Amino acid sequence: GYWRKWQAQALATPGAFAQNPSLVWEFYHYRREVIQRVEPN
């Protein structure tokens, strides 16, 4: 359950965003793009 070398719990925090907003936005950009391509099952 990793994105790159990170678990979601390490990136989905206020502290992670304050320290590295670029990395956190990359993670959420990836997730947004995946979700926009899929449909309800």
PDB file of all heavy atoms in Angstrom:
ATOM      1  N   GLY A   1       0.799  -1.214   0.000  1.00  0.00           N
ATOM      2  CA  GLY A   1       0.000   0.000   0.000  1.00  0.00           C
ATOM      3  C   GLY A   1       0.830   1.261   0.000  1.00  0.00           C
ATOM      4  O   GLY A   1       0.691   2.109   0.890  1.00  0.00           O
ATOM      5  N   TYR A   2       1.690   1.382  -0.993  1.00  0.00           N
ATOM      6  CA  TYR A   2       2.596   2.530  -1.047  1.00  0.00           C
ATOM      7  C   TYR A   2       2.383   3.342  -2.319  1.00  0.00           C
ATOM      8  O   TYR A   2       2.025   2.812  -3.370  1.00  0.00           O
ATOM      9  CB  TYR A   2       4.055   2.067  -1.022  1.00  0.00           C
ATOM     10  CG  TYR A   2       4.533   1.590   0.339  1.00  0.00           C
ATOM     11  CD1 TYR A   2       4.244   0.302   0.785  1.00  0.00           C
ATOM     12  CD2 TYR A   2       5.258   2.424   1.172  1.00  0.00           C
ATOM     13  CE1 TYR A   2       4.669  -0.135   2.024  1.00  0.00           C
ATOM     14  CE2 TYR A   2       5.696   1.997   2.416  1.00  0.00           C
ATOM     15  CZ  TYR A   2       5.403   0.722   2.842  1.00  0.00           C
ATOM     16  OH  TYR A   2       5.824   0.288   4.060  1.00  0.00           O
ATOM     17  N   TRP A   3       2.640   4.635  -2.208  1.00  0.00           N
ATOM     18  CA  TRP A   3       2.823   5.519  -3.360  1.00  0.00           C
ATOM     19  C   TRP A   3       4.286   5.944  -3.301  1.00  0.00           C
ATOM     20  O   TRP A   3       4.715   6.563  -2.329  1.00  0.00           O
ATOM     21  CB  TRP A   3       1.889   6.725  -3.263  1.00  0.00           C
ATOM     22  CG  TRP A   3       2.077   7.734  -4.370  1.00  0.00           C
ATOM     23  CD1 TRP A   3       1.564   7.698  -5.627  1.00  0.00           C
ATOM     24  CD2 TRP A   3       2.851   8.949  -4.288  1.00  0.00           C
ATOM     25  NE1 TRP A   3       1.960   8.805  -6.339  1.00  0.00           N
ATOM     26  CE2 TRP A   3       2.750   9.591  -5.541  1.00  0.00           C
ATOM     27  CE3 TRP A   3       3.615   9.556  -3.290  1.00  0.00           C
ATOM     28  CZ2 TRP A   3       3.380  10.812  -5.807  1.00  0.00           C
ATOM     29  CZ3 TRP A   3       4.244  10.758  -3.558  1.00  0.00           C
ATOM     30  CH2 TRP A   3       4.121  11.365  -4.809  1.00  0.00           C
ATOM     31  N   ARG A   4       5.021   5.552  -4.333  1.00  0.00           N
ATOM     32  CA  ARG A   4       6.484   5.664  -4.293  1.00  0.00           C
ATOM     33  C   ARG A   4       6.969   4.934  -3.040  1.00  0.00           C
ATOM     34  O   ARG A   4       6.671   3.755  -2.879  1.00  0.00           O
ATOM     35  CB  ARG A   4       6.924   7.133  -4.349  1.00  0.00           C
ATOM     36  CG  ARG A   4       6.550   7.805  -5.671  1.00  0.00           C
ATOM     37  CD  ARG A   4       7.001   9.230  -5.791  1.00  0.00           C
ATOM     38  NE  ARG A   4       6.477   9.812  -7.023  1.00  0.00           N
ATOM     39  CZ  ARG A   4       6.528  11.089  -7.338  1.00  0.00           C
ATOM     40  NH1 ARG A   4       7.112  11.949  -6.489  1.00  0.00           N
ATOM     41  NH2 ARG A   4       6.022  11.531  -8.481  1.00  0.00           N
ATOM     42  N   LYS A   5       7.677   5.584  -2.174  1.00  0.00           N
ATOM     43  CA  LYS A   5       8.151   4.903  -0.956  1.00  0.00           C
ATOM     44  C   LYS A   5       7.317   5.289   0.260  1.00  0.00           C
ATOM     45  O   LYS A   5       7.665   4.954   1.396  1.00  0.00           O
ATOM     46  CB  LYS A   5       9.616   5.244  -0.702  1.00  0.00           C
ATOM     47  CG  LYS A   5       9.879   6.730  -0.462  1.00  0.00           C
ATOM     48  CD  LYS A   5      11.363   6.991  -0.232  1.00  0.00           C
ATOM     49  CE  LYS A   5      11.626   8.483   0.007  1.00  0.00           C
ATOM     50  NZ  LYS A   5      13.065   8.748   0.242  1.00  0.00           N
ATOM     51  N   TRP A   6       6.222   5.976   0.005  1.00  0.00           N
ATOM     52  CA  TRP A   6       5.431   6.530   1.096  1.00  0.00           C
ATOM     53  C   TRP A   6       4.114   5.779   1.284  1.00  0.00           C
ATOM     54  O   TRP A   6       3.462   5.400   0.327  1.00  0.00           O
ATOM     55  CB  TRP A   6       5.110   8.004   0.818  1.00  0.00           C
ATOM     56  CG  TRP A   6       6.290   8.853   0.499  1.00  0.00           C
ATOM     57  CD1 TRP A   6       6.762   9.184  -0.740  1.00  0.00           C
ATOM     58  CD2 TRP A   6       7.165   9.471   1.434  1.00  0.00           C
ATOM     59  NE1 TRP A   6       7.869   9.975  -0.632  1.00  0.00           N
ATOM     60  CE2 TRP A   6       8.154  10.170   0.694  1.00  0.00           C
ATOM     61  CE3 TRP A   6       7.218   9.507   2.830  1.00  0.00           C
ATOM     62  CZ2 TRP A   6       9.166  10.898   1.293  1.00  0.00           C
ATOM     63  CZ3 TRP A   6       8.231  10.234   3.437  1.00  0.00           C
ATOM     64  CH2 TRP A   6       9.184  10.916   2.676  1.00  0.00           C
ATOM     65  N   GLN A   7       3.724   5.604   2.543  1.00  0.00           N
ATOM     66  CA  GLN A   7       2.370   5.180   2.853  1.00  0.00           C
ATOM     67  C   GLN A   7       1.488   6.410   2.966  1.00  0.00           C
ATOM     68  O   GLN A   7       1.962   7.504   3.287  1.00  0.00           O
ATOM     69  CB  GLN A   7       2.329   4.379   4.152  1.00  0.00           C
ATOM     70  CG  GLN A   7       2.917   2.973   4.026  1.00  0.00           C
ATOM     71  CD  GLN A   7       2.625   2.136   5.248  1.00  0.00           C
ATOM     72  OE1 GLN A   7       2.927   2.534   6.366  1.00  0.00           O
ATOM     73  NE2 GLN A   7       2.039   0.971   5.036  1.00  0.00           N
ATOM     74  N   ALA A   8       0.201   6.218   2.684  1.00  0.00           N
ATOM     75  CA  ALA A   8      -0.719   7.365   2.706  1.00  0.00           C
ATOM     76  C   ALA A   8      -0.693   8.093   4.040  1.00  0.00           C
ATOM     77  O   ALA A   8      -0.775   9.327   4.092  1.00  0.00           O
ATOM     78  CB  ALA A   8      -2.132   6.885   2.390  1.00  0.00           C
ATOM     79  N   GLN A   9      -0.544   7.336   5.137  1.00  0.00           N
ATOM     80  CA  GLN A   9      -0.562   7.952   6.456  1.00  0.00           C
ATOM     81  C   GLN A   9       0.576   8.949   6.646  1.00  0.00           C
ATOM     82  O   GLN A   9       0.485   9.870   7.469  1.00  0.00           O
ATOM     83  CB  GLN A   9      -0.480   6.884   7.553  1.00  0.00           C
ATOM     84  CG  GLN A   9      -1.670   5.955   7.590  1.00  0.00           C
ATOM     85  CD  GLN A   9      -1.463   4.695   6.773  1.00  0.00           C
ATOM     86  OE1 GLN A   9      -0.914   4.760   5.667  1.00  0.00           O
ATOM     87  NE2 GLN A   9      -1.884   3.565   7.298  1.00  0.00           N
ATOM     88  N   ALA A  10       1.658   8.784   5.878  1.00  0.00           N
ATOM     89  CA  ALA A  10       2.792   9.695   5.998  1.00  0.00           C
ATOM     90  C   ALA A  10       2.589  10.985   5.214  1.00  0.00           C
ATOM     91  O   ALA A  10       3.199  12.009   5.529  1.00  0.00           O
ATOM     92  CB  ALA A  10       4.067   8.998   5.519  1.00  0.00           C
ATOM     93  N   LEU A  11       1.718  10.945   4.191  1.00  0.00           N
ATOM     94  CA  LEU A  11       1.511  12.106   3.340  1.00  0.00           C
ATOM     95  C   LEU A  11       0.214  12.846   3.658  1.00  0.00           C
ATOM     96  O   LEU A  11       0.120  14.051   3.410  1.00  0.00           O
ATOM     97  CB  LEU A  11       1.496  11.677   1.868  1.00  0.00           C
ATOM     98  CG  LEU A  11       2.791  11.071   1.331  1.00  0.00           C
ATOM     99  CD1 LEU A  11       2.598  10.569  -0.093  1.00  0.00           C
ATOM    100  CD2 LEU A  11       3.937  12.085   1.381  1.00  0.00           C
ATOM    101  N   ALA A  12      -0.765  12.125   4.167  1.00  0.00           N
ATOM    102  CA  ALA A  12      -2.082  12.722   4.436  1.00  0.00           C
ATOM    103  C   ALA A  12      -2.121  13.324   5.827  1.00  0.00           C
ATOM    104  O   ALA A  12      -2.939  12.943   6.677  1.00  0.00           O
ATOM    105  CB  ALA A  12      -3.180  11.681   4.248  1.00  0.00           C
ATOM    106  N   THR A  13      -1.248  14.280   6.064  1.00  0.00           N
ATOM    107  CA  THR A  13      -1.185  14.956   7.357  1.00  0.00           C
ATOM    108  C   THR A  13      -0.922  16.446   7.151  1.00  0.00           C
ATOM    109  O   THR A  13      -0.283  16.833   6.161  1.00  0.00           O
ATOM    110  CB  THR A  13      -0.061  14.396   8.256  1.00  0.00           C
ATOM    111  OG1 THR A  13       1.215  14.793   7.721  1.00  0.00           O
ATOM    112  CG2 THR A  13      -0.125  12.877   8.361  1.00  0.00           C
ATOM    113  N   PRO A  14      -1.369  17.290   8.075  1.00  0.00           N
ATOM    114  CA  PRO A  14      -1.056  18.718   7.979  1.00  0.00           C
ATOM    115  C   PRO A  14       0.445  18.966   8.009  1.00  0.00           C
ATOM    116  O   PRO A  14       0.952  19.854   7.312  1.00  0.00           O
ATOM    117  CB  PRO A  14      -1.747  19.324   9.203  1.00  0.00           C
ATOM    118  CG  PRO A  14      -2.805  18.342   9.586  1.00  0.00           C
ATOM    119  CD  PRO A  14      -2.251  16.994   9.222  1.00  0.00           C
ATOM    120  N   GLY A  15       1.166  18.172   8.813  1.00  0.00           N
ATOM    121  CA  GLY A  15       2.606  18.358   8.912  1.00  0.00           C
ATOM    122  C   GLY A  15       3.325  18.074   7.610  1.00  0.00           C
ATOM    123  O   GLY A  15       4.253  18.803   7.224  1.00  0.00           O
ATOM    124  N   ALA A  16       2.901  17.022   6.910  1.00  0.00           N
ATOM    125  CA  ALA A  16       3.520  16.687   5.624  1.00  0.00           C
ATOM    126  C   ALA A  16       3.283  17.799   4.616  1.00  0.00           C
ATOM    127  O   ALA A  16       4.191  18.154   3.844  1.00  0.00           O
ATOM    128  CB  ALA A  16       2.966  15.366   5.106  1.00  0.00           C
ATOM    129  N   PHE A  17       2.075  18.367   4.622  1.00  0.00           N
ATOM    130  CA  PHE A  17       1.765  19.435   3.681  1.00  0.00           C
ATOM    131  C   PHE A  17       2.563  20.695   3.994  1.00  0.00           C
ATOM    132  O   PHE A  17       3.056  21.379   3.083  1.00  0.00           O
ATOM    133  CB  PHE A  17       0.265  19.741   3.709  1.00  0.00           C
ATOM    134  CG  PHE A  17      -0.182  20.684   2.633  1.00  0.00           C
ATOM    135  CD1 PHE A  17      -0.241  20.276   1.309  1.00  0.00           C
ATOM    136  CD2 PHE A  17      -0.562  21.983   2.944  1.00  0.00           C
ATOM    137  CE1 PHE A  17      -0.654  21.142   0.304  1.00  0.00           C
ATOM    138  CE2 PHE A  17      -0.980  22.861   1.948  1.00  0.00           C
ATOM    139  CZ  PHE A  17      -1.026  22.442   0.627  1.00  0.00           C
ATOM    140  N   ALA A  18       2.714  20.996   5.270  1.00  0.00           N
ATOM    141  CA  ALA A  18       3.498  22.175   5.665  1.00  0.00           C
ATOM    142  C   ALA A  18       4.959  22.017   5.279  1.00  0.00           C
ATOM    143  O   ALA A  18       5.621  22.976   4.854  1.00  0.00           O
ATOM    144  CB  ALA A  18       3.362  22.411   7.167  1.00  0.00           C
ATOM    145  N   GLN A  19       5.486  20.792   5.413  1.00  0.00           N
ATOM    146  CA  GLN A  19       6.894  20.538   5.137  1.00  0.00           C
ATOM    147  C   GLN A  19       7.180  20.424   3.640  1.00  0.00           C
ATOM    148  O   GLN A  19       8.206  20.907   3.154  1.00  0.00           O
ATOM    149  CB  GLN A  19       7.341  19.266   5.852  1.00  0.00           C
ATOM    150  CG  GLN A  19       8.811  18.936   5.665  1.00  0.00           C
ATOM    151  CD  GLN A  19       9.224  17.701   6.438  1.00  0.00           C
ATOM    152  OE1 GLN A  19       8.422  17.113   7.160  1.00  0.00           O
ATOM    153  NE2 GLN A  19      10.474  17.296   6.309  1.00  0.00           N
ATOM    154  N   ASN A  20       6.273  19.774   2.899  1.00  0.00           N
ATOM    155  CA  ASN A  20       6.531  19.524   1.477  1.00  0.00           C
ATOM    156  C   ASN A  20       5.214  19.535   0.696  1.00  0.00           C
ATOM    157  O   ASN A  20       4.716  18.480   0.286  1.00  0.00           O
ATOM    158  CB  ASN A  20       7.257  18.184   1.295  1.00  0.00           C
ATOM    159  CG  ASN A  20       7.885  18.030  -0.077  1.00  0.00           C
ATOM    160  OD1 ASN A  20       7.468  18.700  -1.028  1.00  0.00           O
ATOM    161  ND2 ASN A  20       8.846  17.130  -0.201  1.00  0.00           N
ATOM    162  N   PRO A  21       4.647  20.705   0.476  1.00  0.00           N
ATOM    163  CA  PRO A  21       3.354  20.762  -0.245  1.00  0.00           C
ATOM    164  C   PRO A  21       3.451  20.220  -1.668  1.00  0.00           C
ATOM    165  O   PRO A  21       2.463  19.696  -2.195  1.00  0.00           O
ATOM    166  CB  PRO A  21       3.002  22.251  -0.227  1.00  0.00           C
ATOM    167  CG  PRO A  21       4.291  22.958  -0.007  1.00  0.00           C
ATOM    168  CD  PRO A  21       5.115  22.043   0.858  1.00  0.00           C
ATOM    169  N   SER A  22       4.617  20.325  -2.307  1.00  0.00           N
ATOM    170  CA  SER A  22       4.779  19.793  -3.656  1.00  0.00           C
ATOM    171  C   SER A  22       4.578  18.283  -3.669  1.00  0.00           C
ATOM    172  O   SER A  22       3.854  17.747  -4.516  1.00  0.00           O
ATOM    173  CB  SER A  22       6.166  20.139  -4.199  1.00  0.00           C
ATOM    174  OG  SER A  22       6.401  19.481  -5.429  1.00  0.00           O
ATOM    175  N   LEU A  23       5.200  17.574  -2.736  1.00  0.00           N
ATOM    176  CA  LEU A  23       5.085  16.117  -2.676  1.00  0.00           C
ATOM    177  C   LEU A  23       3.647  15.692  -2.397  1.00  0.00           C
ATOM    178  O   LEU A  23       3.117  14.776  -3.036  1.00  0.00           O
ATOM    179  CB  LEU A  23       6.018  15.555  -1.607  1.00  0.00           C
ATOM    180  CG  LEU A  23       6.047  14.039  -1.476  1.00  0.00           C
ATOM    181  CD1 LEU A  23       6.637  13.390  -2.724  1.00  0.00           C
ATOM    182  CD2 LEU A  23       6.842  13.619  -0.225  1.00  0.00           C
ATOM    183  N   VAL A  24       3.002  16.373  -1.453  1.00  0.00           N
ATOM    184  CA  VAL A  24       1.624  16.023  -1.105  1.00  0.00           C
ATOM    185  C   VAL A  24       0.694  16.289  -2.297  1.00  0.00           C
ATOM    186  O   VAL A  24      -0.180  15.467  -2.598  1.00  0.00           O
ATOM    187  CB  VAL A  24       1.162  16.799   0.143  1.00  0.00           C
ATOM    188  CG1 VAL A  24      -0.331  16.572   0.407  1.00  0.00           C
ATOM    189  CG2 VAL A  24       1.980  16.378   1.357  1.00  0.00           C
ATOM    190  N   TRP A  25       0.893  17.393  -3.005  1.00  0.00           N
ATOM    191  CA  TRP A  25       0.052  17.660  -4.163  1.00  0.00           C
ATOM    192  C   TRP A  25       0.319  16.674  -5.296  1.00  0.00           C
ATOM    193  O   TRP A  25      -0.600  16.295  -6.022  1.00  0.00           O
ATOM    194  CB  TRP A  25       0.229  19.096  -4.661  1.00  0.00           C
ATOM    195  CG  TRP A  25      -0.857  20.002  -4.180  1.00  0.00           C
ATOM    196  CD1 TRP A  25      -0.731  21.128  -3.415  1.00  0.00           C
ATOM    197  CD2 TRP A  25      -2.260  19.858  -4.434  1.00  0.00           C
ATOM    198  NE1 TRP A  25      -1.961  21.689  -3.154  1.00  0.00           N
ATOM    199  CE2 TRP A  25      -2.931  20.931  -3.785  1.00  0.00           C
ATOM    200  CE3 TRP A  25      -3.038  18.932  -5.126  1.00  0.00           C
ATOM    201  CZ2 TRP A  25      -4.313  21.090  -3.823  1.00  0.00           C
ATOM    202  CZ3 TRP A  25      -4.417  19.087  -5.166  1.00  0.00           C
ATOM    203  CH2 TRP A  25      -5.041  20.151  -4.520  1.00  0.00           C
ATOM    204  N   GLU A  26       1.556  16.198  -5.446  1.00  0.00           N
ATOM    205  CA  GLU A  26       1.814  15.137  -6.436  1.00  0.00           C
ATOM    206  C   GLU A  26       0.996  13.896  -6.108  1.00  0.00           C
ATOM    207  O   GLU A  26       0.405  13.269  -6.997  1.00  0.00           O
ATOM    208  CB  GLU A  26       3.302  14.785  -6.460  1.00  0.00           C
ATOM    209  CG  GLU A  26       4.158  15.629  -7.358  1.00  0.00           C
ATOM    210  CD  GLU A  26       5.444  14.905  -7.713  1.00  0.00           C
ATOM    211  OE1 GLU A  26       5.463  14.174  -8.724  1.00  0.00           O
ATOM    212  OE2 GLU A  26       6.421  15.060  -6.951  1.00  0.00           O
ATOM    213  N   PHE A  27       0.991  13.529  -4.833  1.00  0.00           N
ATOM    214  CA  PHE A  27       0.242  12.353  -4.393  1.00  0.00           C
ATOM    215  C   PHE A  27      -1.248  12.509  -4.689  1.00  0.00           C
ATOM    216  O   PHE A  27      -1.885  11.601  -5.237  1.00  0.00           O
ATOM    217  CB  PHE A  27       0.485  12.153  -2.888  1.00  0.00           C
ATOM    218  CG  PHE A  27      -0.334  11.067  -2.248  1.00  0.00           C
ATOM    219  CD1 PHE A  27      -0.290   9.768  -2.720  1.00  0.00           C
ATOM    220  CD2 PHE A  27      -1.137  11.341  -1.150  1.00  0.00           C
ATOM    221  CE1 PHE A  27      -1.044   8.749  -2.113  1.00  0.00           C
ATOM    222  CE2 PHE A  27      -1.895  10.347  -0.540  1.00  0.00           C
ATOM    223  CZ  PHE A  27      -1.845   9.057  -1.029  1.00  0.00           C
ATOM    224  N   TYR A  28      -1.808  13.675  -4.347  1.00  0.00           N
ATOM    225  CA  TYR A  28      -3.238  13.877  -4.576  1.00  0.00           C
ATOM    226  C   TYR A  28      -3.555  14.089  -6.047  1.00  0.00           C
ATOM    227  O   TYR A  28      -4.641  13.704  -6.504  1.00  0.00           O
ATOM    228  CB  TYR A  28      -3.762  15.022  -3.704  1.00  0.00           C
ATOM    229  CG  TYR A  28      -4.023  14.548  -2.298  1.00  0.00           C
ATOM    230  CD1 TYR A  28      -3.052  14.661  -1.311  1.00  0.00           C
ATOM    231  CD2 TYR A  28      -5.227  13.918  -1.971  1.00  0.00           C
ATOM    232  CE1 TYR A  28      -3.275  14.182  -0.032  1.00  0.00           C
ATOM    233  CE2 TYR A  28      -5.456  13.435  -0.699  1.00  0.00           C
ATOM    234  CZ  TYR A  28      -4.478  13.559   0.268  1.00  0.00           C
ATOM    235  OH  TYR A  28      -4.705  13.063   1.526  1.00  0.00           O
ATOM    236  N   HIS A  29      -2.641  14.657  -6.811  1.00  0.00           N
ATOM    237  CA  HIS A  29      -2.838  14.759  -8.258  1.00  0.00           C
ATOM    238  C   HIS A  29      -2.929  13.365  -8.872  1.00  0.00           C
ATOM    239  O   HIS A  29      -3.818  13.097  -9.695  1.00  0.00           O
ATOM    240  CB  HIS A  29      -1.681  15.537  -8.884  1.00  0.00           C
ATOM    241  CG  HIS A  29      -1.638  15.460 -10.378  1.00  0.00           C
ATOM    242  ND1 HIS A  29      -2.606  16.011 -11.186  1.00  0.00           N
ATOM    243  CD2 HIS A  29      -0.749  14.863 -11.221  1.00  0.00           C
ATOM    244  CE1 HIS A  29      -2.303  15.782 -12.462  1.00  0.00           C
ATOM    245  NE2 HIS A  29      -1.194  15.074 -12.505  1.00  0.00           N
ATOM    246  N   TYR A  30      -2.030  12.458  -8.461  1.00  0.00           N
ATOM    247  CA  TYR A  30      -2.081  11.078  -8.950  1.00  0.00           C
ATOM    248  C   TYR A  30      -3.439  10.456  -8.631  1.00  0.00           C
ATOM    249  O   TYR A  30      -4.082   9.840  -9.496  1.00  0.00           O
ATOM    250  CB  TYR A  30      -0.960  10.264  -8.316  1.00  0.00           C
ATOM    251  CG  TYR A  30      -1.145   8.767  -8.436  1.00  0.00           C
ATOM    252  CD1 TYR A  30      -0.962   8.122  -9.664  1.00  0.00           C
ATOM    253  CD2 TYR A  30      -1.514   8.002  -7.331  1.00  0.00           C
ATOM    254  CE1 TYR A  30      -1.144   6.755  -9.781  1.00  0.00           C
ATOM    255  CE2 TYR A  30      -1.699   6.635  -7.445  1.00  0.00           C
ATOM    256  CZ  TYR A  30      -1.513   6.007  -8.669  1.00  0.00           C
ATOM    257  OH  TYR A  30      -1.708   4.653  -8.785  1.00  0.00           O
ATOM    258  N   ARG A  31      -3.910  10.629  -7.410  1.00  0.00           N
ATOM    259  CA  ARG A  31      -5.176  10.031  -7.006  1.00  0.00           C
ATOM    260  C   ARG A  31      -6.349  10.649  -7.776  1.00  0.00           C
ATOM    261  O   ARG A  31      -7.269   9.936  -8.187  1.00  0.00           O
ATOM    262  CB  ARG A  31      -5.371  10.199  -5.498  1.00  0.00           C
ATOM    263  CG  ARG A  31      -4.316   9.476  -4.671  1.00  0.00           C
ATOM    264  CD  ARG A  31      -4.536   9.645  -3.186  1.00  0.00           C
ATOM    265  NE  ARG A  31      -5.710   8.917  -2.725  1.00  0.00           N
ATOM    266  CZ  ARG A  31      -6.147   8.959  -1.474  1.00  0.00           C
ATOM    267  NH1 ARG A  31      -5.519   9.696  -0.561  1.00  0.00           N
ATOM    268  NH2 ARG A  31      -7.221   8.275  -1.117  1.00  0.00           N
ATOM    269  N   ARG A  32      -6.337  11.946  -7.966  1.00  0.00           N
ATOM    270  CA  ARG A  32      -7.395  12.606  -8.728  1.00  0.00           C
ATOM    271  C   ARG A  32      -7.462  12.056 -10.158  1.00  0.00           C
ATOM    272  O   ARG A  32      -8.547  11.775 -10.672  1.00  0.00           O
ATOM    273  CB  ARG A  32      -7.139  14.124  -8.775  1.00  0.00           C
ATOM    274  CG  ARG A  32      -7.483  14.875  -7.501  1.00  0.00           C
ATOM    275  CD  ARG A  32      -6.924  16.298  -7.544  1.00  0.00           C
ATOM    276  NE  ARG A  32      -7.436  17.056  -8.682  1.00  0.00           N
ATOM    277  CZ  ARG A  32      -8.471  17.904  -8.623  1.00  0.00           C
ATOM    278  NH1 ARG A  32      -9.119  18.090  -7.482  1.00  0.00           N
ATOM    279  NH2 ARG A  32      -8.853  18.563  -9.696  1.00  0.00           N
ATOM    280  N   GLU A  33      -6.297  11.902 -10.770  1.00  0.00           N
ATOM    281  CA  GLU A  33      -6.273  11.431 -12.155  1.00  0.00           C
ATOM    282  C   GLU A  33      -6.780   9.992 -12.253  1.00  0.00           C
ATOM    283  O   GLU A  33      -7.502   9.643 -13.190  1.00  0.00           O
ATOM    284  CB  GLU A  33      -4.848  11.533 -12.707  1.00  0.00           C
ATOM    285  CG  GLU A  33      -4.322  12.963 -12.818  1.00  0.00           C
ATOM    286  CD  GLU A  33      -5.123  13.802 -13.797  1.00  0.00           C
ATOM    287  OE1 GLU A  33      -5.142  13.450 -14.993  1.00  0.00           O
ATOM    288  OE2 GLU A  33      -5.736  14.807 -13.359  1.00  0.00           O
ATOM    289  N   VAL A  34      -6.406   9.145 -11.302  1.00  0.00           N
ATOM    290  CA  VAL A  34      -6.897   7.763 -11.284  1.00  0.00           C
ATOM    291  C   VAL A  34      -8.417   7.739 -11.130  1.00  0.00           C
ATOM    292  O   VAL A  34      -9.130   7.050 -11.865  1.00  0.00           O
ATOM    293  CB  VAL A  34      -6.233   6.956 -10.146  1.00  0.00           C
ATOM    294  CG1 VAL A  34      -6.944   5.610  -9.948  1.00  0.00           C
ATOM    295  CG2 VAL A  34      -4.752   6.719 -10.443  1.00  0.00           C
ATOM    296  N   ILE A  35      -8.931   8.504 -10.172  1.00  0.00           N
ATOM    297  CA  ILE A  35     -10.363   8.488  -9.880  1.00  0.00           C
ATOM    298  C   ILE A  35     -11.173   9.023 -11.049  1.00  0.00           C
ATOM    299  O   ILE A  35     -12.274   8.522 -11.343  1.00  0.00           O
ATOM    300  CB  ILE A  35     -10.649   9.287  -8.592  1.00  0.00           C
ATOM    301  CG1 ILE A  35     -10.039   8.557  -7.384  1.00  0.00           C
ATOM    302  CG2 ILE A  35     -12.143   9.482  -8.379  1.00  0.00           C
ATOM    303  CD1 ILE A  35     -10.003   9.386  -6.113  1.00  0.00           C
ATOM    304  N   GLN A  36     -10.649  10.026 -11.736  1.00  0.00           N
ATOM    305  CA  GLN A  36     -11.385  10.590 -12.871  1.00  0.00           C
ATOM    306  C   GLN A  36     -11.515   9.613 -14.030  1.00  0.00           C
ATOM    307  O   GLN A  36     -12.386   9.781 -14.879  1.00  0.00           O
ATOM    308  CB  GLN A  36     -10.726  11.893 -13.330  1.00  0.00           C
ATOM    309  CG  GLN A  36     -10.988  13.055 -12.390  1.00  0.00           C
ATOM    310  CD  GLN A  36     -10.425  14.360 -12.906  1.00  0.00           C
ATOM    311  OE1 GLN A  36      -9.367  14.402 -13.516  1.00  0.00           O
ATOM    312  NE2 GLN A  36     -11.122  15.450 -12.648  1.00  0.00           N
ATOM    313  N   ARG A  37     -10.685   8.578 -14.041  1.00  0.00           N
ATOM    314  CA  ARG A  37     -10.733   7.605 -15.143  1.00  0.00           C
ATOM    315  C   ARG A  37     -11.635   6.411 -14.849  1.00  0.00           C
ATOM    316  O   ARG A  37     -11.863   5.586 -15.735  1.00  0.00           O
ATOM    317  CB  ARG A  37      -9.317   7.092 -15.451  1.00  0.00           C
ATOM    318  CG  ARG A  37      -8.389   8.124 -16.050  1.00  0.00           C
ATOM    319  CD  ARG A  37      -7.152   7.466 -16.641  1.00  0.00           C
ATOM    320  NE  ARG A  37      -6.362   6.746 -15.658  1.00  0.00           N
ATOM    321  CZ  ARG A  37      -5.324   7.275 -15.002  1.00  0.00           C
ATOM    322  NH1 ARG A  37      -4.962   8.533 -15.231  1.00  0.00           N
ATOM    323  NH2 ARG A  37      -4.653   6.562 -14.124  1.00  0.00           N
ATOM    324  N   VAL A  38     -12.111   6.265 -13.626  1.00  0.00           N
ATOM    325  CA  VAL A  38     -12.866   5.066 -13.266  1.00  0.00           C
ATOM    326  C   VAL A  38     -14.352   5.381 -13.096  1.00  0.00           C
ATOM    327  O   VAL A  38     -14.758   6.543 -13.061  1.00  0.00           O
ATOM    328  CB  VAL A  38     -12.315   4.417 -11.978  1.00  0.00           C
ATOM    329  CG1 VAL A  38     -10.831   4.125 -12.125  1.00  0.00           C
ATOM    330  CG2 VAL A  38     -12.578   5.309 -10.760  1.00  0.00           C
ATOM    331  N   GLU A  39     -15.135   4.318 -12.983  1.00  0.00           N
ATOM    332  CA  GLU A  39     -16.584   4.436 -12.829  1.00  0.00           C
ATOM    333  C   GLU A  39     -17.034   3.689 -11.572  1.00  0.00           C
ATOM    334  O   GLU A  39     -16.326   2.803 -11.084  1.00  0.00           O
ATOM    335  CB  GLU A  39     -17.292   3.840 -14.049  1.00  0.00           C
ATOM    336  CG  GLU A  39     -17.012   4.568 -15.357  1.00  0.00           C
ATOM    337  CD  GLU A  39     -17.566   5.983 -15.375  1.00  0.00           C
ATOM    338  OE1 GLU A  39     -18.574   6.223 -14.669  1.00  0.00           O
ATOM    339  OE2 GLU A  39     -16.988   6.830 -16.071  1.00  0.00           O
ATOM    340  N   PRO A  40     -18.204   4.030 -11.062  1.00  0.00           N
ATOM    341  CA  PRO A  40     -18.765   3.252  -9.951  1.00  0.00           C
ATOM    342  C   PRO A  40     -18.883   1.784 -10.347  1.00  0.00           C
ATOM    343  O   PRO A  40     -19.190   1.462 -11.499  1.00  0.00           O
ATOM    344  CB  PRO A  40     -20.140   3.877  -9.732  1.00  0.00           C
ATOM    345  CG  PRO A  40     -20.032   5.250 -10.294  1.00  0.00           C
ATOM    346  CD  PRO A  40     -19.096   5.145 -11.457  1.00  0.00           C
ATOM    347  N   ASN A  41     -18.636   0.901  -9.410  1.00  0.00           N
ATOM    348  CA  ASN A  41     -18.721  -0.534  -9.678  1.00  0.00           C
ATOM    349  C   ASN A  41     -20.075  -1.082  -9.207  1.00  0.00           C
ATOM    350  O   ASN A  41     -20.901  -0.333  -8.669  1.00  0.00           O
ATOM    351  CB  ASN A  41     -17.543  -1.263  -9.028  1.00  0.00           C
ATOM    352  CG  ASN A  41     -17.568  -1.183  -7.516  1.00  0.00           C
ATOM    353  OD1 ASN A  41     -18.512  -1.603  -6.861  1.00  0.00           O
ATOM    354  ND2 ASN A  41     -16.510  -0.622  -6.931  1.00  0.00           N
TER     355      ASN A  41
END
